[in-house]
Amino acid sequence: MRVALLASLKWMMSLTAPLFAVMDHGVSWRDMILMAGGLFLLYKAAHGINEEVEGGYERGATSTKGAPTLRGVIAQIVVLDLVFSIDSVITAVGTVDQISVMVTAVMVAIGIMLTVAGTIAKFVNRHPSIKMLALGFLLLIGMNLVAEAAGFYIPKGYIYSAMAFATLVEVLDLLAGRRRAAAAARASRRSSRR
């Protein structure tokens, strides 16, 4: 499904003939797809950040949901797979310009997800800042897509540099946290011996 979406999206993005103009910028199908994709990523990232910060609860809301049915669960899985397919395809389009690289990246990502999904989920649950970092990346890519749709091209190298720098800072923070935890454990053992 992801490769088919990627191929069709790449074809639609080749439709660069302007349909109408907004403030001297000719708007094509490509621009509309980029804008819709960018806004979708911005929404998904903002929603994810809100859930992380607010704990996933709306103030004053109560749950009225009953037990899930098999049909409902299957429908939810299909919709979520479609949403995540669109999500990963739009992210690929916003990150890379060549379709062969996009297809390879999507296929490698699917392989990694199938192989180590449980391990990654445990790691992310232990380190919630990783999830926030990923949501930040989605915000960055979404803004890049919106800017490109509006006629402002941001070189991909700038995006990659920002992502690499943020990842390096996160890795250093995780290493420092591990070191602080080990020091606290040693101090606790020393105080318990006394």
N, C-alpha and C. Protein backbone atom coordinates (compact mmCIF):
# COMPACT_ATOMS: atom_id res chain seq x y z
N MET A 1 0.83 -1.18 0.00
CA MET A 1 0.00 0.00 0.00
C MET A 1 0.88 1.25 0.00
N ARG A 2 1.99 1.22 0.77
CA ARG A 2 2.84 2.40 0.85
C ARG A 2 3.55 2.69 -0.46
N VAL A 3 4.03 1.63 -1.13
CA VAL A 3 4.73 1.85 -2.40
C VAL A 3 3.76 2.36 -3.46
N ALA A 4 2.52 1.81 -3.48
CA ALA A 4 1.52 2.29 -4.43
C ALA A 4 1.17 3.76 -4.16
N LEU A 5 0.99 4.11 -2.87
CA LEU A 5 0.73 5.50 -2.52
C LEU A 5 1.89 6.40 -2.94
N LEU A 6 3.11 5.91 -2.71
CA LEU A 6 4.30 6.68 -3.06
C LEU A 6 4.37 6.92 -4.56
N ALA A 7 4.11 5.88 -5.35
CA ALA A 7 4.17 6.02 -6.81
C ALA A 7 3.09 6.99 -7.30
N SER A 8 1.87 6.87 -6.77
CA SER A 8 0.81 7.77 -7.22
C SER A 8 1.06 9.19 -6.77
N LEU A 9 1.57 9.36 -5.55
CA LEU A 9 1.85 10.70 -5.04
C LEU A 9 2.98 11.35 -5.83
N LYS A 10 3.99 10.56 -6.17
CA LYS A 10 5.11 11.11 -6.96
C LYS A 10 4.60 11.52 -8.34
N TRP A 11 3.69 10.74 -8.93
CA TRP A 11 3.13 11.11 -10.24
C TRP A 11 2.33 12.40 -10.12
N MET A 12 1.48 12.49 -9.07
CA MET A 12 0.68 13.70 -8.91
C MET A 12 1.56 14.92 -8.67
N MET A 13 2.70 14.71 -8.02
CA MET A 13 3.58 15.85 -7.75
C MET A 13 4.30 16.33 -9.00
N SER A 14 4.25 15.54 -10.07
CA SER A 14 4.84 16.00 -11.33
C SER A 14 3.90 16.96 -12.06
N LEU A 15 2.68 17.11 -11.57
CA LEU A 15 1.71 18.02 -12.17
C LEU A 15 1.99 19.44 -11.67
N THR A 16 2.92 20.12 -12.35
CA THR A 16 3.39 21.42 -11.87
C THR A 16 2.80 22.60 -12.64
N ALA A 17 1.91 22.34 -13.58
CA ALA A 17 1.28 23.46 -14.31
C ALA A 17 0.36 24.23 -13.37
N PRO A 18 0.52 25.56 -13.29
CA PRO A 18 -0.31 26.35 -12.38
C PRO A 18 -1.79 26.27 -12.73
N LEU A 19 -2.62 26.09 -11.71
CA LEU A 19 -4.08 26.07 -11.88
C LEU A 19 -4.66 27.45 -11.62
N PHE A 20 -4.10 28.15 -10.63
CA PHE A 20 -4.51 29.51 -10.30
C PHE A 20 -3.35 30.18 -9.57
N ALA A 21 -3.46 31.47 -9.32
CA ALA A 21 -2.37 32.21 -8.67
C ALA A 21 -2.87 32.82 -7.36
N VAL A 22 -1.98 32.80 -6.37
CA VAL A 22 -2.23 33.46 -5.09
C VAL A 22 -1.03 34.35 -4.81
N MET A 23 -1.24 35.67 -4.81
CA MET A 23 -0.16 36.65 -4.59
C MET A 23 1.07 36.35 -5.46
N ASP A 24 0.89 36.31 -6.74
CA ASP A 24 1.96 36.09 -7.73
C ASP A 24 2.62 34.72 -7.64
N HIS A 25 2.02 33.78 -6.95
CA HIS A 25 2.55 32.41 -6.89
C HIS A 25 1.56 31.49 -7.58
N GLY A 26 1.99 30.87 -8.67
CA GLY A 26 1.13 29.92 -9.38
C GLY A 26 0.97 28.65 -8.57
N VAL A 27 -0.27 28.30 -8.27
CA VAL A 27 -0.56 27.12 -7.44
C VAL A 27 -0.91 25.95 -8.35
N SER A 28 -0.14 24.87 -8.22
CA SER A 28 -0.36 23.67 -9.04
C SER A 28 -0.90 22.55 -8.15
N TRP A 29 -1.20 21.40 -8.80
CA TRP A 29 -1.61 20.23 -8.03
C TRP A 29 -0.52 19.83 -7.06
N ARG A 30 0.73 19.93 -7.50
CA ARG A 30 1.86 19.59 -6.64
C ARG A 30 1.85 20.45 -5.38
N ASP A 31 1.63 21.75 -5.54
CA ASP A 31 1.60 22.64 -4.39
C ASP A 31 0.46 22.29 -3.44
N MET A 32 -0.70 21.95 -4.00
CA MET A 32 -1.83 21.59 -3.15
C MET A 32 -1.57 20.30 -2.39
N ILE A 33 -0.91 19.32 -3.05
CA ILE A 33 -0.57 18.06 -2.38
C ILE A 33 0.44 18.32 -1.28
N LEU A 34 1.47 19.13 -1.58
CA LEU A 34 2.47 19.46 -0.57
C LEU A 34 1.83 20.18 0.62
N MET A 35 0.95 21.14 0.34
CA MET A 35 0.29 21.89 1.41
C MET A 35 -0.56 20.96 2.26
N ALA A 36 -1.36 20.11 1.62
CA ALA A 36 -2.22 19.17 2.37
C ALA A 36 -1.36 18.22 3.20
N GLY A 37 -0.29 17.70 2.60
CA GLY A 37 0.60 16.79 3.33
C GLY A 37 1.29 17.49 4.49
N GLY A 38 1.77 18.70 4.25
CA GLY A 38 2.43 19.45 5.32
C GLY A 38 1.49 19.76 6.46
N LEU A 39 0.27 20.19 6.14
CA LEU A 39 -0.71 20.48 7.18
C LEU A 39 -1.09 19.21 7.95
N PHE A 40 -1.19 18.08 7.23
CA PHE A 40 -1.48 16.80 7.87
C PHE A 40 -0.38 16.44 8.87
N LEU A 41 0.89 16.58 8.45
CA LEU A 41 2.00 16.26 9.35
C LEU A 41 2.02 17.22 10.55
N LEU A 42 1.75 18.50 10.30
CA LEU A 42 1.71 19.47 11.40
C LEU A 42 0.62 19.10 12.40
N TYR A 43 -0.56 18.72 11.88
CA TYR A 43 -1.65 18.31 12.77
C TYR A 43 -1.27 17.08 13.58
N LYS A 44 -0.73 16.05 12.89
CA LYS A 44 -0.37 14.81 13.57
C LYS A 44 0.67 15.07 14.65
N ALA A 45 1.69 15.88 14.32
CA ALA A 45 2.75 16.17 15.29
C ALA A 45 2.20 16.98 16.46
N ALA A 46 1.41 18.00 16.17
CA ALA A 46 0.86 18.83 17.24
C ALA A 46 -0.07 18.00 18.14
N HIS A 47 -0.86 17.13 17.54
CA HIS A 47 -1.76 16.27 18.31
C HIS A 47 -0.94 15.32 19.19
N GLY A 48 0.12 14.74 18.62
CA GLY A 48 0.99 13.83 19.39
C GLY A 48 1.68 14.55 20.54
N ILE A 49 2.17 15.76 20.29
CA ILE A 49 2.82 16.54 21.35
C ILE A 49 1.81 16.88 22.44
N ASN A 50 0.59 17.26 22.03
CA ASN A 50 -0.44 17.58 23.02
C ASN A 50 -0.75 16.36 23.89
N GLU A 51 -0.83 15.19 23.28
CA GLU A 51 -1.10 13.97 24.06
C GLU A 51 0.03 13.69 25.04
N GLU A 52 1.28 13.92 24.61
CA GLU A 52 2.41 13.70 25.51
C GLU A 52 2.42 14.70 26.66
N VAL A 53 2.14 15.95 26.36
CA VAL A 53 2.20 17.00 27.38
C VAL A 53 0.99 16.93 28.31
N GLU A 54 -0.20 16.76 27.73
CA GLU A 54 -1.43 16.77 28.52
C GLU A 54 -1.80 15.38 29.04
N GLY A 55 -1.08 14.36 28.64
CA GLY A 55 -1.37 13.01 29.12
C GLY A 55 -2.46 12.30 28.35
N GLY A 56 -2.88 12.85 27.20
CA GLY A 56 -3.89 12.20 26.38
C GLY A 56 -5.31 12.37 26.90
N TYR A 57 -5.51 13.26 27.86
CA TYR A 57 -6.85 13.46 28.41
C TYR A 57 -7.33 14.87 28.11
N GLU A 58 -8.57 14.98 27.71
CA GLU A 58 -9.17 16.29 27.56
C GLU A 58 -9.78 16.67 28.90
N ARG A 59 -9.67 17.91 29.27
CA ARG A 59 -10.21 18.35 30.55
C ARG A 59 -11.72 18.16 30.59
N GLY A 60 -12.19 17.49 31.65
CA GLY A 60 -13.61 17.33 31.83
C GLY A 60 -14.25 16.25 30.97
N ALA A 61 -13.46 15.57 30.14
CA ALA A 61 -14.03 14.56 29.24
C ALA A 61 -14.14 13.23 29.98
N THR A 62 -15.20 12.52 29.73
CA THR A 62 -15.35 11.18 30.28
C THR A 62 -15.54 10.21 29.14
N SER A 63 -15.07 9.01 29.33
CA SER A 63 -15.15 7.99 28.28
C SER A 63 -16.49 7.29 28.33
N THR A 64 -17.15 7.21 27.17
CA THR A 64 -18.43 6.51 27.08
C THR A 64 -18.31 5.31 26.15
N LYS A 65 -17.09 4.90 25.84
CA LYS A 65 -16.88 3.79 24.91
C LYS A 65 -17.13 2.47 25.61
N GLY A 66 -17.78 1.55 24.88
CA GLY A 66 -17.99 0.21 25.39
C GLY A 66 -16.85 -0.70 24.95
N ALA A 67 -17.04 -1.99 25.11
CA ALA A 67 -16.03 -2.95 24.69
C ALA A 67 -15.92 -2.96 23.16
N PRO A 68 -14.70 -3.02 22.64
CA PRO A 68 -14.54 -2.99 21.18
C PRO A 68 -15.02 -4.29 20.53
N THR A 69 -15.59 -4.17 19.33
CA THR A 69 -16.02 -5.34 18.58
C THR A 69 -14.91 -5.74 17.61
N LEU A 70 -14.95 -6.97 17.12
CA LEU A 70 -13.95 -7.45 16.18
C LEU A 70 -13.97 -6.60 14.91
N ARG A 71 -15.17 -6.30 14.41
CA ARG A 71 -15.30 -5.49 13.20
C ARG A 71 -14.70 -4.10 13.43
N GLY A 72 -14.98 -3.52 14.59
CA GLY A 72 -14.47 -2.19 14.92
C GLY A 72 -12.95 -2.19 15.02
N VAL A 73 -12.38 -3.23 15.63
CA VAL A 73 -10.93 -3.33 15.76
C VAL A 73 -10.28 -3.47 14.39
N ILE A 74 -10.84 -4.32 13.52
CA ILE A 74 -10.29 -4.50 12.17
C ILE A 74 -10.38 -3.20 11.38
N ALA A 75 -11.51 -2.51 11.47
CA ALA A 75 -11.66 -1.22 10.77
C ALA A 75 -10.64 -0.22 11.28
N GLN A 76 -10.43 -0.20 12.60
CA GLN A 76 -9.46 0.73 13.17
C GLN A 76 -8.05 0.40 12.69
N ILE A 77 -7.70 -0.88 12.61
CA ILE A 77 -6.38 -1.28 12.13
C ILE A 77 -6.18 -0.84 10.68
N VAL A 78 -7.20 -1.05 9.84
CA VAL A 78 -7.11 -0.65 8.43
C VAL A 78 -6.94 0.86 8.31
N VAL A 79 -7.75 1.62 9.05
CA VAL A 79 -7.65 3.09 8.98
C VAL A 79 -6.30 3.56 9.50
N LEU A 80 -5.83 3.00 10.63
CA LEU A 80 -4.53 3.40 11.16
C LEU A 80 -3.40 3.07 10.20
N ASP A 81 -3.48 1.88 9.55
CA ASP A 81 -2.45 1.53 8.58
C ASP A 81 -2.45 2.50 7.42
N LEU A 82 -3.64 2.89 6.95
CA LEU A 82 -3.73 3.87 5.87
C LEU A 82 -3.16 5.21 6.31
N VAL A 83 -3.53 5.66 7.52
CA VAL A 83 -3.02 6.94 8.02
C VAL A 83 -1.51 6.91 8.14
N PHE A 84 -0.96 5.82 8.72
CA PHE A 84 0.48 5.74 8.87
C PHE A 84 1.17 5.56 7.52
N SER A 85 0.49 4.92 6.56
CA SER A 85 1.05 4.83 5.21
C SER A 85 1.15 6.22 4.60
N ILE A 86 0.07 6.99 4.70
CA ILE A 86 0.08 8.36 4.17
C ILE A 86 1.14 9.17 4.89
N ASP A 87 1.21 9.01 6.20
CA ASP A 87 2.16 9.72 7.03
C ASP A 87 3.60 9.44 6.58
N SER A 88 3.95 8.17 6.44
CA SER A 88 5.33 7.83 6.06
C SER A 88 5.63 8.22 4.63
N VAL A 89 4.64 8.12 3.74
CA VAL A 89 4.85 8.50 2.34
C VAL A 89 5.05 10.01 2.23
N ILE A 90 4.21 10.80 2.93
CA ILE A 90 4.37 12.25 2.88
C ILE A 90 5.71 12.66 3.49
N THR A 91 6.10 11.99 4.57
CA THR A 91 7.40 12.28 5.18
C THR A 91 8.52 11.97 4.20
N ALA A 92 8.41 10.85 3.47
CA ALA A 92 9.43 10.51 2.48
C ALA A 92 9.49 11.55 1.38
N VAL A 93 8.32 11.99 0.90
CA VAL A 93 8.28 13.01 -0.16
C VAL A 93 8.86 14.32 0.34
N GLY A 94 8.62 14.65 1.61
CA GLY A 94 9.14 15.89 2.16
C GLY A 94 10.61 15.85 2.47
N THR A 95 11.19 14.65 2.53
CA THR A 95 12.59 14.52 2.91
C THR A 95 13.51 14.29 1.72
N VAL A 96 13.03 13.61 0.68
CA VAL A 96 13.88 13.21 -0.44
C VAL A 96 13.18 13.56 -1.75
N ASP A 97 13.97 13.77 -2.81
CA ASP A 97 13.40 14.13 -4.11
C ASP A 97 13.32 12.95 -5.09
N GLN A 98 14.10 11.88 -4.89
CA GLN A 98 14.16 10.78 -5.85
C GLN A 98 13.27 9.63 -5.41
N ILE A 99 12.45 9.14 -6.34
CA ILE A 99 11.49 8.08 -6.01
C ILE A 99 12.18 6.78 -5.61
N SER A 100 13.32 6.44 -6.23
CA SER A 100 14.01 5.20 -5.86
C SER A 100 14.48 5.24 -4.42
N VAL A 101 14.96 6.40 -3.98
CA VAL A 101 15.39 6.55 -2.59
C VAL A 101 14.18 6.45 -1.66
N MET A 102 13.04 7.06 -2.07
CA MET A 102 11.83 7.01 -1.26
C MET A 102 11.34 5.58 -1.09
N VAL A 103 11.26 4.83 -2.19
CA VAL A 103 10.78 3.45 -2.13
C VAL A 103 11.70 2.62 -1.25
N THR A 104 13.02 2.78 -1.44
CA THR A 104 13.97 2.04 -0.62
C THR A 104 13.81 2.38 0.85
N ALA A 105 13.67 3.67 1.15
CA ALA A 105 13.52 4.10 2.55
C ALA A 105 12.25 3.54 3.17
N VAL A 106 11.14 3.59 2.42
CA VAL A 106 9.86 3.08 2.95
C VAL A 106 9.96 1.57 3.17
N MET A 107 10.57 0.83 2.24
CA MET A 107 10.69 -0.62 2.39
C MET A 107 11.61 -0.98 3.56
N VAL A 108 12.72 -0.27 3.71
CA VAL A 108 13.62 -0.51 4.85
C VAL A 108 12.90 -0.20 6.16
N ALA A 109 12.15 0.90 6.19
CA ALA A 109 11.41 1.27 7.41
C ALA A 109 10.39 0.20 7.77
N ILE A 110 9.68 -0.34 6.77
CA ILE A 110 8.70 -1.41 7.04
C ILE A 110 9.42 -2.64 7.58
N GLY A 111 10.54 -3.00 6.98
CA GLY A 111 11.32 -4.15 7.46
C GLY A 111 11.79 -3.97 8.89
N ILE A 112 12.28 -2.77 9.19
CA ILE A 112 12.74 -2.49 10.56
C ILE A 112 11.57 -2.55 11.53
N MET A 113 10.43 -1.95 11.13
CA MET A 113 9.25 -1.97 12.01
C MET A 113 8.81 -3.39 12.31
N LEU A 114 8.78 -4.25 11.29
CA LEU A 114 8.34 -5.63 11.49
C LEU A 114 9.32 -6.41 12.35
N THR A 115 10.61 -6.11 12.21
CA THR A 115 11.64 -6.86 12.92
C THR A 115 11.79 -6.44 14.38
N VAL A 116 11.83 -5.14 14.62
CA VAL A 116 12.18 -4.67 15.96
C VAL A 116 11.13 -3.74 16.57
N ALA A 117 9.88 -3.87 16.17
CA ALA A 117 8.84 -2.97 16.68
C ALA A 117 8.72 -3.05 18.19
N GLY A 118 8.75 -4.25 18.74
CA GLY A 118 8.62 -4.41 20.19
C GLY A 118 9.77 -3.77 20.94
N THR A 119 10.98 -3.98 20.46
CA THR A 119 12.17 -3.40 21.11
C THR A 119 12.13 -1.88 21.05
N ILE A 120 11.76 -1.34 19.89
CA ILE A 120 11.69 0.11 19.74
C ILE A 120 10.60 0.68 20.64
N ALA A 121 9.45 0.00 20.72
CA ALA A 121 8.36 0.47 21.58
C ALA A 121 8.80 0.52 23.04
N LYS A 122 9.52 -0.51 23.49
CA LYS A 122 10.01 -0.53 24.88
C LYS A 122 11.01 0.61 25.11
N PHE A 123 11.90 0.83 24.14
CA PHE A 123 12.90 1.89 24.25
C PHE A 123 12.23 3.26 24.32
N VAL A 124 11.24 3.48 23.44
CA VAL A 124 10.53 4.77 23.42
C VAL A 124 9.73 4.95 24.71
N ASN A 125 9.15 3.88 25.24
CA ASN A 125 8.42 3.99 26.50
C ASN A 125 9.34 4.33 27.67
N ARG A 126 10.58 3.81 27.63
CA ARG A 126 11.55 4.13 28.68
C ARG A 126 12.10 5.55 28.54
N HIS A 127 12.13 6.05 27.29
CA HIS A 127 12.71 7.37 27.00
C HIS A 127 11.70 8.20 26.20
N PRO A 128 10.71 8.81 26.86
CA PRO A 128 9.68 9.55 26.14
C PRO A 128 10.22 10.74 25.34
N SER A 129 11.41 11.22 25.68
CA SER A 129 11.97 12.34 24.93
C SER A 129 12.26 11.95 23.48
N ILE A 130 12.46 10.65 23.22
CA ILE A 130 12.67 10.18 21.85
C ILE A 130 11.40 10.41 21.03
N LYS A 131 10.24 10.13 21.64
CA LYS A 131 8.97 10.36 20.94
C LYS A 131 8.79 11.84 20.64
N MET A 132 9.13 12.69 21.59
CA MET A 132 9.02 14.14 21.37
C MET A 132 9.97 14.58 20.26
N LEU A 133 11.16 13.99 20.21
CA LEU A 133 12.11 14.31 19.15
C LEU A 133 11.54 13.93 17.79
N ALA A 134 10.95 12.74 17.69
CA ALA A 134 10.34 12.30 16.43
C ALA A 134 9.19 13.21 16.04
N LEU A 135 8.37 13.62 17.01
CA LEU A 135 7.27 14.55 16.71
C LEU A 135 7.82 15.91 16.27
N GLY A 136 8.93 16.32 16.87
CA GLY A 136 9.59 17.55 16.43
C GLY A 136 10.06 17.45 14.99
N PHE A 137 10.58 16.27 14.62
CA PHE A 137 11.00 16.05 13.23
C PHE A 137 9.80 16.16 12.29
N LEU A 138 8.66 15.60 12.71
CA LEU A 138 7.46 15.71 11.88
C LEU A 138 7.05 17.17 11.70
N LEU A 139 7.15 17.96 12.77
CA LEU A 139 6.86 19.40 12.66
C LEU A 139 7.79 20.06 11.65
N LEU A 140 9.06 19.72 11.72
CA LEU A 140 10.06 20.30 10.82
C LEU A 140 9.76 19.94 9.37
N ILE A 141 9.46 18.68 9.12
CA ILE A 141 9.16 18.23 7.75
C ILE A 141 7.85 18.83 7.27
N GLY A 142 6.84 18.89 8.16
CA GLY A 142 5.56 19.51 7.80
C GLY A 142 5.73 20.97 7.41
N MET A 143 6.50 21.71 8.19
CA MET A 143 6.75 23.12 7.86
C MET A 143 7.51 23.25 6.55
N ASN A 144 8.43 22.33 6.29
CA ASN A 144 9.16 22.34 5.03
C ASN A 144 8.21 22.14 3.86
N LEU A 145 7.27 21.21 3.98
CA LEU A 145 6.30 20.96 2.91
C LEU A 145 5.40 22.17 2.68
N VAL A 146 4.93 22.79 3.78
CA VAL A 146 4.07 23.97 3.67
C VAL A 146 4.84 25.11 3.00
N ALA A 147 6.09 25.31 3.42
CA ALA A 147 6.90 26.38 2.83
C ALA A 147 7.13 26.14 1.35
N GLU A 148 7.43 24.88 0.99
CA GLU A 148 7.65 24.55 -0.43
C GLU A 148 6.38 24.76 -1.24
N ALA A 149 5.23 24.42 -0.67
CA ALA A 149 3.96 24.63 -1.37
C ALA A 149 3.70 26.11 -1.58
N ALA A 150 4.17 26.95 -0.66
CA ALA A 150 3.97 28.39 -0.77
C ALA A 150 5.03 29.06 -1.64
N GLY A 151 5.96 28.27 -2.19
CA GLY A 151 6.96 28.83 -3.10
C GLY A 151 8.30 29.15 -2.46
N PHE A 152 8.50 28.74 -1.20
CA PHE A 152 9.77 28.98 -0.51
C PHE A 152 10.50 27.65 -0.39
N TYR A 153 11.57 27.48 -1.16
CA TYR A 153 12.32 26.22 -1.13
C TYR A 153 13.39 26.28 -0.05
N ILE A 154 13.37 25.30 0.84
CA ILE A 154 14.40 25.17 1.89
C ILE A 154 15.28 24.00 1.48
N PRO A 155 16.58 24.23 1.30
CA PRO A 155 17.47 23.12 0.91
C PRO A 155 17.40 21.97 1.91
N LYS A 156 17.35 20.74 1.40
CA LYS A 156 17.21 19.55 2.24
C LYS A 156 18.38 19.44 3.23
N GLY A 157 19.55 19.94 2.85
CA GLY A 157 20.70 19.88 3.75
C GLY A 157 20.45 20.59 5.06
N TYR A 158 19.70 21.68 5.02
CA TYR A 158 19.36 22.40 6.25
C TYR A 158 18.49 21.52 7.16
N ILE A 159 17.54 20.83 6.54
CA ILE A 159 16.65 19.95 7.31
C ILE A 159 17.45 18.81 7.93
N TYR A 160 18.31 18.18 7.11
CA TYR A 160 19.12 17.06 7.61
C TYR A 160 20.04 17.53 8.73
N SER A 161 20.65 18.71 8.58
CA SER A 161 21.56 19.22 9.60
C SER A 161 20.83 19.45 10.92
N ALA A 162 19.65 20.05 10.85
CA ALA A 162 18.88 20.30 12.07
C ALA A 162 18.50 18.98 12.73
N MET A 163 18.09 17.98 11.94
CA MET A 163 17.70 16.70 12.50
C MET A 163 18.91 15.97 13.10
N ALA A 164 20.04 16.03 12.42
CA ALA A 164 21.25 15.37 12.94
C ALA A 164 21.70 16.03 14.24
N PHE A 165 21.66 17.36 14.30
CA PHE A 165 22.07 18.06 15.50
C PHE A 165 21.14 17.72 16.67
N ALA A 166 19.83 17.72 16.43
CA ALA A 166 18.87 17.39 17.48
C ALA A 166 19.06 15.95 17.96
N THR A 167 19.35 15.04 17.03
CA THR A 167 19.58 13.64 17.40
C THR A 167 20.84 13.52 18.25
N LEU A 168 21.90 14.24 17.87
CA LEU A 168 23.15 14.21 18.65
C LEU A 168 22.91 14.72 20.07
N VAL A 169 22.18 15.82 20.20
CA VAL A 169 21.88 16.36 21.52
C VAL A 169 21.08 15.35 22.34
N GLU A 170 20.11 14.68 21.71
CA GLU A 170 19.30 13.68 22.41
C GLU A 170 20.15 12.50 22.86
N VAL A 171 21.05 12.02 22.00
CA VAL A 171 21.93 10.91 22.37
C VAL A 171 22.81 11.30 23.56
N LEU A 172 23.36 12.52 23.52
CA LEU A 172 24.19 12.99 24.64
C LEU A 172 23.37 13.08 25.93
N ASP A 173 22.12 13.53 25.81
CA ASP A 173 21.24 13.62 26.99
C ASP A 173 20.94 12.23 27.54
N LEU A 174 20.70 11.26 26.67
CA LEU A 174 20.44 9.89 27.13
C LEU A 174 21.67 9.31 27.83
N LEU A 175 22.86 9.55 27.27
CA LEU A 175 24.09 9.06 27.89
C LEU A 175 24.31 9.73 29.25
N ALA A 176 24.06 11.04 29.33
CA ALA A 176 24.21 11.74 30.60
C ALA A 176 23.21 11.22 31.62
N GLY A 177 21.98 10.95 31.19
CA GLY A 177 20.97 10.40 32.09
C GLY A 177 21.36 9.04 32.61
N ARG A 178 21.92 8.21 31.75
CA ARG A 178 22.38 6.88 32.17
C ARG A 178 23.51 7.02 33.21
N ARG A 179 24.39 7.97 32.95
CA ARG A 179 25.50 8.18 33.89
C ARG A 179 24.99 8.70 35.24
N ARG A 180 24.02 9.62 35.22
CA ARG A 180 23.44 10.12 36.47
C ARG A 180 22.74 9.00 37.23
N ALA A 181 22.02 8.13 36.51
CA ALA A 181 21.32 7.01 37.16
C ALA A 181 22.31 6.05 37.80
N ALA A 182 23.42 5.77 37.12
CA ALA A 182 24.44 4.87 37.67
C ALA A 182 25.08 5.49 38.92
N ALA A 183 25.35 6.79 38.88
CA ALA A 183 25.94 7.47 40.05
C ALA A 183 24.96 7.45 41.22
N ALA A 184 23.67 7.67 40.94
CA ALA A 184 22.67 7.64 42.01
C ALA A 184 22.56 6.24 42.60
N ALA A 185 22.65 5.20 41.77
CA ALA A 185 22.58 3.82 42.26
C ALA A 185 23.79 3.51 43.14
N ARG A 186 24.98 3.98 42.74
CA ARG A 186 26.19 3.75 43.56
C ARG A 186 26.06 4.47 44.90
N ALA A 187 25.57 5.70 44.88
CA ALA A 187 25.38 6.47 46.12
C ALA A 187 24.36 5.79 47.03
N SER A 188 23.30 5.24 46.44
CA SER A 188 22.28 4.55 47.23
C SER A 188 22.85 3.30 47.88
N ARG A 189 23.69 2.56 47.15
CA ARG A 189 24.31 1.35 47.71
C ARG A 189 25.25 1.71 48.86
N ARG A 190 26.01 2.81 48.69
CA ARG A 190 26.92 3.24 49.73
C ARG A 190 26.17 3.63 51.01
N SER A 191 25.06 4.37 50.84
CA SER A 191 24.31 4.82 52.02
C SER A 191 23.60 3.64 52.72
N SER A 192 23.22 2.62 51.95
CA SER A 192 22.56 1.47 52.56
C SER A 192 23.56 0.61 53.34
N ARG A 193 24.85 0.66 52.97
CA ARG A 193 25.88 -0.12 53.71
C ARG A 193 26.17 0.48 55.07
N ARG A 194 25.93 1.77 55.21
CA ARG A 194 26.25 2.45 56.48
C ARG A 194 25.32 2.13 57.54
